[in-house]
Structure formats: C-alpha cells, structure tokens
PDB file of all heavy atoms in Angstrom:
ATOM      1  N   LEU A   1      58.759 -47.016 -29.018  1.00  0.00           N
ATOM      2  CA  LEU A   1      58.598 -47.848 -27.820  1.00  0.00           C
ATOM      3  C   LEU A   1      57.191 -47.728 -27.259  1.00  0.00           C
ATOM      4  O   LEU A   1      56.559 -48.742 -26.919  1.00  0.00           O
ATOM      5  CB  LEU A   1      59.627 -47.446 -26.758  1.00  0.00           C
ATOM      6  CG  LEU A   1      59.550 -48.221 -25.428  1.00  0.00           C
ATOM      7  CD1 LEU A   1      59.790 -49.709 -25.664  1.00  0.00           C
ATOM      8  CD2 LEU A   1      60.557 -47.656 -24.425  1.00  0.00           C
ATOM      9  N   SER A   2      56.664 -46.505 -27.180  1.00  0.00           N
ATOM     10  CA  SER A   2      55.321 -46.304 -26.617  1.00  0.00           C
ATOM     11  C   SER A   2      54.257 -46.956 -27.496  1.00  0.00           C
ATOM     12  O   SER A   2      53.289 -47.541 -26.992  1.00  0.00           O
ATOM     13  CB  SER A   2      55.027 -44.810 -26.461  1.00  0.00           C
ATOM     14  OG  SER A   2      55.041 -44.157 -27.724  1.00  0.00           O
ATOM     15  N   LEU A   3      54.450 -46.876 -28.812  1.00  0.00           N
ATOM     16  CA  LEU A   3      53.492 -47.489 -29.734  1.00  0.00           C
ATOM     17  C   LEU A   3      53.552 -49.012 -29.623  1.00  0.00           C
ATOM     18  O   LEU A   3      52.510 -49.685 -29.617  1.00  0.00           O
ATOM     19  CB  LEU A   3      53.809 -47.045 -31.165  1.00  0.00           C
ATOM     20  CG  LEU A   3      52.669 -47.075 -32.199  1.00  0.00           C
ATOM     21  CD1 LEU A   3      51.474 -46.279 -31.709  1.00  0.00           C
ATOM     22  CD2 LEU A   3      53.163 -46.531 -33.534  1.00  0.00           C
ATOM     23  N   ALA A   4      54.756 -49.547 -29.528  1.00  0.00           N
ATOM     24  CA  ALA A   4      54.921 -50.998 -29.389  1.00  0.00           C
ATOM     25  C   ALA A   4      54.276 -51.496 -28.106  1.00  0.00           C
ATOM     26  O   ALA A   4      53.594 -52.528 -28.095  1.00  0.00           O
ATOM     27  CB  ALA A   4      56.406 -51.364 -29.414  1.00  0.00           C
ATOM     28  N   LEU A   5      54.477 -50.745 -27.011  1.00  0.00           N
ATOM     29  CA  LEU A   5      53.869 -51.133 -25.734  1.00  0.00           C
ATOM     30  C   LEU A   5      52.347 -51.077 -25.805  1.00  0.00           C
ATOM     31  O   LEU A   5      51.660 -51.908 -25.191  1.00  0.00           O
ATOM     32  CB  LEU A   5      54.387 -50.230 -24.611  1.00  0.00           C
ATOM     33  CG  LEU A   5      55.852 -50.429 -24.211  1.00  0.00           C
ATOM     34  CD1 LEU A   5      56.276 -49.392 -23.180  1.00  0.00           C
ATOM     35  CD2 LEU A   5      56.072 -51.835 -23.661  1.00  0.00           C
ATOM     36  N   THR A   6      51.830 -50.116 -26.545  1.00  0.00           N
ATOM     37  CA  THR A   6      50.376 -50.017 -26.724  1.00  0.00           C
ATOM     38  C   THR A   6      49.834 -51.238 -27.453  1.00  0.00           C
ATOM     39  O   THR A   6      48.852 -51.858 -27.016  1.00  0.00           O
ATOM     40  CB  THR A   6      50.008 -48.748 -27.515  1.00  0.00           C
ATOM     41  OG1 THR A   6      50.433 -47.599 -26.786  1.00  0.00           O
ATOM     42  CG2 THR A   6      48.503 -48.662 -27.750  1.00  0.00           C
ATOM     43  N   TYR A   7      50.477 -51.599 -28.571  1.00  0.00           N
ATOM     44  CA  TYR A   7      50.037 -52.768 -29.342  1.00  0.00           C
ATOM     45  C   TYR A   7      50.129 -54.050 -28.515  1.00  0.00           C
ATOM     46  O   TYR A   7      49.198 -54.867 -28.503  1.00  0.00           O
ATOM     47  CB  TYR A   7      50.871 -52.922 -30.618  1.00  0.00           C
ATOM     48  CG  TYR A   7      50.721 -51.800 -31.611  1.00  0.00           C
ATOM     49  CD1 TYR A   7      51.702 -51.562 -32.577  1.00  0.00           C
ATOM     50  CD2 TYR A   7      49.606 -50.965 -31.603  1.00  0.00           C
ATOM     51  CE1 TYR A   7      51.578 -50.537 -33.507  1.00  0.00           C
ATOM     52  CE2 TYR A   7      49.474 -49.934 -32.518  1.00  0.00           C
ATOM     53  CZ  TYR A   7      50.463 -49.722 -33.468  1.00  0.00           C
ATOM     54  OH  TYR A   7      50.336 -48.708 -34.382  1.00  0.00           O
ATOM     55  N   VAL A   8      51.265 -54.218 -27.827  1.00  0.00           N
ATOM     56  CA  VAL A   8      51.458 -55.425 -27.014  1.00  0.00           C
ATOM     57  C   VAL A   8      50.431 -55.466 -25.880  1.00  0.00           C
ATOM     58  O   VAL A   8      49.837 -56.523 -25.598  1.00  0.00           O
ATOM     59  CB  VAL A   8      52.892 -55.485 -26.458  1.00  0.00           C
ATOM     60  CG1 VAL A   8      53.020 -56.619 -25.435  1.00  0.00           C
ATOM     61  CG2 VAL A   8      53.896 -55.672 -27.583  1.00  0.00           C
ATOM     62  N   GLY A   9      50.228 -54.308 -25.233  1.00  0.00           N
ATOM     63  CA  GLY A   9      49.257 -54.246 -24.143  1.00  0.00           C
ATOM     64  C   GLY A   9      47.859 -54.623 -24.594  1.00  0.00           C
ATOM     65  O   GLY A   9      47.144 -55.378 -23.918  1.00  0.00           O
ATOM     66  N   ILE A  10      47.456 -54.138 -25.769  1.00  0.00           N
ATOM     67  CA  ILE A  10      46.132 -54.447 -26.321  1.00  0.00           C
ATOM     68  C   ILE A  10      46.024 -55.939 -26.637  1.00  0.00           C
ATOM     69  O   ILE A  10      45.012 -56.580 -26.320  1.00  0.00           O
ATOM     70  CB  ILE A  10      45.871 -53.595 -27.575  1.00  0.00           C
ATOM     71  CG1 ILE A  10      45.630 -52.139 -27.168  1.00  0.00           C
ATOM     72  CG2 ILE A  10      44.691 -54.135 -28.373  1.00  0.00           C
ATOM     73  CD1 ILE A  10      45.565 -51.172 -28.335  1.00  0.00           C
ATOM     74  N   ILE A  11      47.064 -56.484 -27.267  1.00  0.00           N
ATOM     75  CA  ILE A  11      47.044 -57.914 -27.649  1.00  0.00           C
ATOM     76  C   ILE A  11      47.004 -58.812 -26.420  1.00  0.00           C
ATOM     77  O   ILE A  11      46.301 -59.830 -26.401  1.00  0.00           O
ATOM     78  CB  ILE A  11      48.274 -58.244 -28.528  1.00  0.00           C
ATOM     79  CG1 ILE A  11      48.147 -57.538 -29.887  1.00  0.00           C
ATOM     80  CG2 ILE A  11      48.410 -59.751 -28.724  1.00  0.00           C
ATOM     81  CD1 ILE A  11      49.430 -57.557 -30.707  1.00  0.00           C
ATOM     82  N   VAL A  12      47.738 -58.438 -25.380  1.00  0.00           N
ATOM     83  CA  VAL A  12      47.784 -59.252 -24.154  1.00  0.00           C
ATOM     84  C   VAL A  12      46.495 -59.118 -23.349  1.00  0.00           C
ATOM     85  O   VAL A  12      45.976 -60.105 -22.811  1.00  0.00           O
ATOM     86  CB  VAL A  12      49.000 -58.851 -23.289  1.00  0.00           C
ATOM     87  CG1 VAL A  12      48.927 -59.506 -21.906  1.00  0.00           C
ATOM     88  CG2 VAL A  12      50.293 -59.244 -23.985  1.00  0.00           C
ATOM     89  N   LEU A  13      45.960 -57.908 -23.259  1.00  0.00           N
ATOM     90  CA  LEU A  13      44.795 -57.665 -22.413  1.00  0.00           C
ATOM     91  C   LEU A  13      43.465 -58.085 -23.037  1.00  0.00           C
ATOM     92  O   LEU A  13      42.523 -58.425 -22.310  1.00  0.00           O
ATOM     93  CB  LEU A  13      44.717 -56.181 -22.031  1.00  0.00           C
ATOM     94  CG  LEU A  13      45.539 -55.740 -20.813  1.00  0.00           C
ATOM     95  CD1 LEU A  13      45.385 -54.246 -20.588  1.00  0.00           C
ATOM     96  CD2 LEU A  13      45.106 -56.498 -19.568  1.00  0.00           C
ATOM     97  N   LYS A  14      43.378 -58.054 -24.363  1.00  0.00           N
ATOM     98  CA  LYS A  14      42.093 -58.365 -24.999  1.00  0.00           C
ATOM     99  C   LYS A  14      41.550 -59.736 -24.586  1.00  0.00           C
ATOM    100  O   LYS A  14      40.369 -59.846 -24.220  1.00  0.00           O
ATOM    101  CB  LYS A  14      42.232 -58.281 -26.524  1.00  0.00           C
ATOM    102  CG  LYS A  14      40.923 -58.563 -27.281  1.00  0.00           C
ATOM    103  CD  LYS A  14      39.855 -57.508 -27.005  1.00  0.00           C
ATOM    104  CE  LYS A  14      38.633 -57.707 -27.887  1.00  0.00           C
ATOM    105  NZ  LYS A  14      37.601 -56.680 -27.663  1.00  0.00           N
ATOM    106  N   PRO A  15      42.341 -60.825 -24.627  1.00  0.00           N
ATOM    107  CA  PRO A  15      41.807 -62.116 -24.171  1.00  0.00           C
ATOM    108  C   PRO A  15      41.370 -62.102 -22.707  1.00  0.00           C
ATOM    109  O   PRO A  15      40.409 -62.787 -22.337  1.00  0.00           O
ATOM    110  CB  PRO A  15      42.989 -63.072 -24.384  1.00  0.00           C
ATOM    111  CG  PRO A  15      43.814 -62.437 -25.451  1.00  0.00           C
ATOM    112  CD  PRO A  15      43.705 -60.973 -25.179  1.00  0.00           C
ATOM    113  N   ILE A  16      42.063 -61.324 -21.883  1.00  0.00           N
ATOM    114  CA  ILE A  16      41.724 -61.265 -20.460  1.00  0.00           C
ATOM    115  C   ILE A  16      40.384 -60.568 -20.251  1.00  0.00           C
ATOM    116  O   ILE A  16      39.514 -61.079 -19.528  1.00  0.00           O
ATOM    117  CB  ILE A  16      42.848 -60.556 -19.664  1.00  0.00           C
ATOM    118  CG1 ILE A  16      44.127 -61.397 -19.700  1.00  0.00           C
ATOM    119  CG2 ILE A  16      42.420 -60.276 -18.222  1.00  0.00           C
ATOM    120  CD1 ILE A  16      45.342 -60.715 -19.100  1.00  0.00           C
ATOM    121  N   VAL A  17      40.193 -59.404 -20.889  1.00  0.00           N
ATOM    122  CA  VAL A  17      38.934 -58.681 -20.687  1.00  0.00           C
ATOM    123  C   VAL A  17      37.760 -59.395 -21.366  1.00  0.00           C
ATOM    124  O   VAL A  17      36.635 -59.362 -20.867  1.00  0.00           O
ATOM    125  CB  VAL A  17      39.032 -57.217 -21.175  1.00  0.00           C
ATOM    126  CG1 VAL A  17      39.968 -56.424 -20.291  1.00  0.00           C
ATOM    127  CG2 VAL A  17      39.467 -57.115 -22.626  1.00  0.00           C
ATOM    128  N   THR A  18      38.028 -60.064 -22.485  1.00  0.00           N
ATOM    129  CA  THR A  18      36.986 -60.877 -23.118  1.00  0.00           C
ATOM    130  C   THR A  18      36.557 -62.001 -22.186  1.00  0.00           C
ATOM    131  O   THR A  18      35.360 -62.236 -21.978  1.00  0.00           O
ATOM    132  CB  THR A  18      37.494 -61.470 -24.445  1.00  0.00           C
ATOM    133  OG1 THR A  18      37.747 -60.420 -25.371  1.00  0.00           O
ATOM    134  CG2 THR A  18      36.467 -62.422 -25.045  1.00  0.00           C
ATOM    135  N   SER A  19      37.527 -62.686 -21.611  1.00  0.00           N
ATOM    136  CA  SER A  19      37.247 -63.797 -20.708  1.00  0.00           C
ATOM    137  C   SER A  19      36.520 -63.330 -19.456  1.00  0.00           C
ATOM    138  O   SER A  19      35.579 -63.987 -18.988  1.00  0.00           O
ATOM    139  CB  SER A  19      38.552 -64.494 -20.311  1.00  0.00           C
ATOM    140  OG  SER A  19      39.255 -64.925 -21.451  1.00  0.00           O
ATOM    141  N   ALA A  20      36.942 -62.183 -18.917  1.00  0.00           N
ATOM    142  CA  ALA A  20      36.287 -61.636 -17.725  1.00  0.00           C
ATOM    143  C   ALA A  20      34.846 -61.249 -18.037  1.00  0.00           C
ATOM    144  O   ALA A  20      33.944 -61.453 -17.212  1.00  0.00           O
ATOM    145  CB  ALA A  20      37.067 -60.427 -17.211  1.00  0.00           C
ATOM    146  N   THR A  21      34.624 -60.701 -19.220  1.00  0.00           N
ATOM    147  CA  THR A  21      33.262 -60.330 -19.633  1.00  0.00           C
ATOM    148  C   THR A  21      32.360 -61.554 -19.680  1.00  0.00           C
ATOM    149  O   THR A  21      31.244 -61.550 -19.149  1.00  0.00           O
ATOM    150  CB  THR A  21      33.290 -59.664 -21.027  1.00  0.00           C
ATOM    151  OG1 THR A  21      34.077 -58.473 -20.970  1.00  0.00           O
ATOM    152  CG2 THR A  21      31.882 -59.308 -21.489  1.00  0.00           C
ATOM    153  N   LEU A  22      32.832 -62.607 -20.316  1.00  0.00           N
ATOM    154  CA  LEU A  22      32.027 -63.818 -20.467  1.00  0.00           C
ATOM    155  C   LEU A  22      31.830 -64.536 -19.128  1.00  0.00           C
ATOM    156  O   LEU A  22      30.729 -64.997 -18.820  1.00  0.00           O
ATOM    157  CB  LEU A  22      32.690 -64.768 -21.475  1.00  0.00           C
ATOM    158  CG  LEU A  22      32.831 -64.230 -22.902  1.00  0.00           C
ATOM    159  CD1 LEU A  22      33.609 -65.213 -23.766  1.00  0.00           C
ATOM    160  CD2 LEU A  22      31.465 -63.959 -23.523  1.00  0.00           C
ATOM    161  N   ALA A  23      32.896 -64.620 -18.327  1.00  0.00           N
ATOM    162  CA  ALA A  23      32.819 -65.340 -17.057  1.00  0.00           C
ATOM    163  C   ALA A  23      31.929 -64.641 -16.038  1.00  0.00           C
ATOM    164  O   ALA A  23      31.352 -65.298 -15.167  1.00  0.00           O
ATOM    165  CB  ALA A  23      34.222 -65.529 -16.483  1.00  0.00           C
ATOM    166  N   SER A  24      31.811 -63.328 -16.149  1.00  0.00           N
ATOM    167  CA  SER A  24      30.991 -62.580 -15.188  1.00  0.00           C
ATOM    168  C   SER A  24      29.551 -62.403 -15.649  1.00  0.00           C
ATOM    169  O   SER A  24      28.788 -61.658 -15.031  1.00  0.00           O
ATOM    170  CB  SER A  24      31.628 -61.214 -14.906  1.00  0.00           C
ATOM    171  OG  SER A  24      31.848 -60.495 -16.104  1.00  0.00           O
TER     172      SER A  24
END
C-alpha cells in the first residue's frame, strides 16, 4: 500500500510541480 501510494503520488504530483515551475 505504501509503495502504491508513493507511485501514485509521484505520477499525480509531477505534472503539477512541472506546471508550477514553468508558470513561475
């Protein structure tokens, strides 16, 4: 469960932090 949450968290957050990096 912890590993699955890690993978899902990374997949979900990567587009957000990429977008925040570019937009800022």
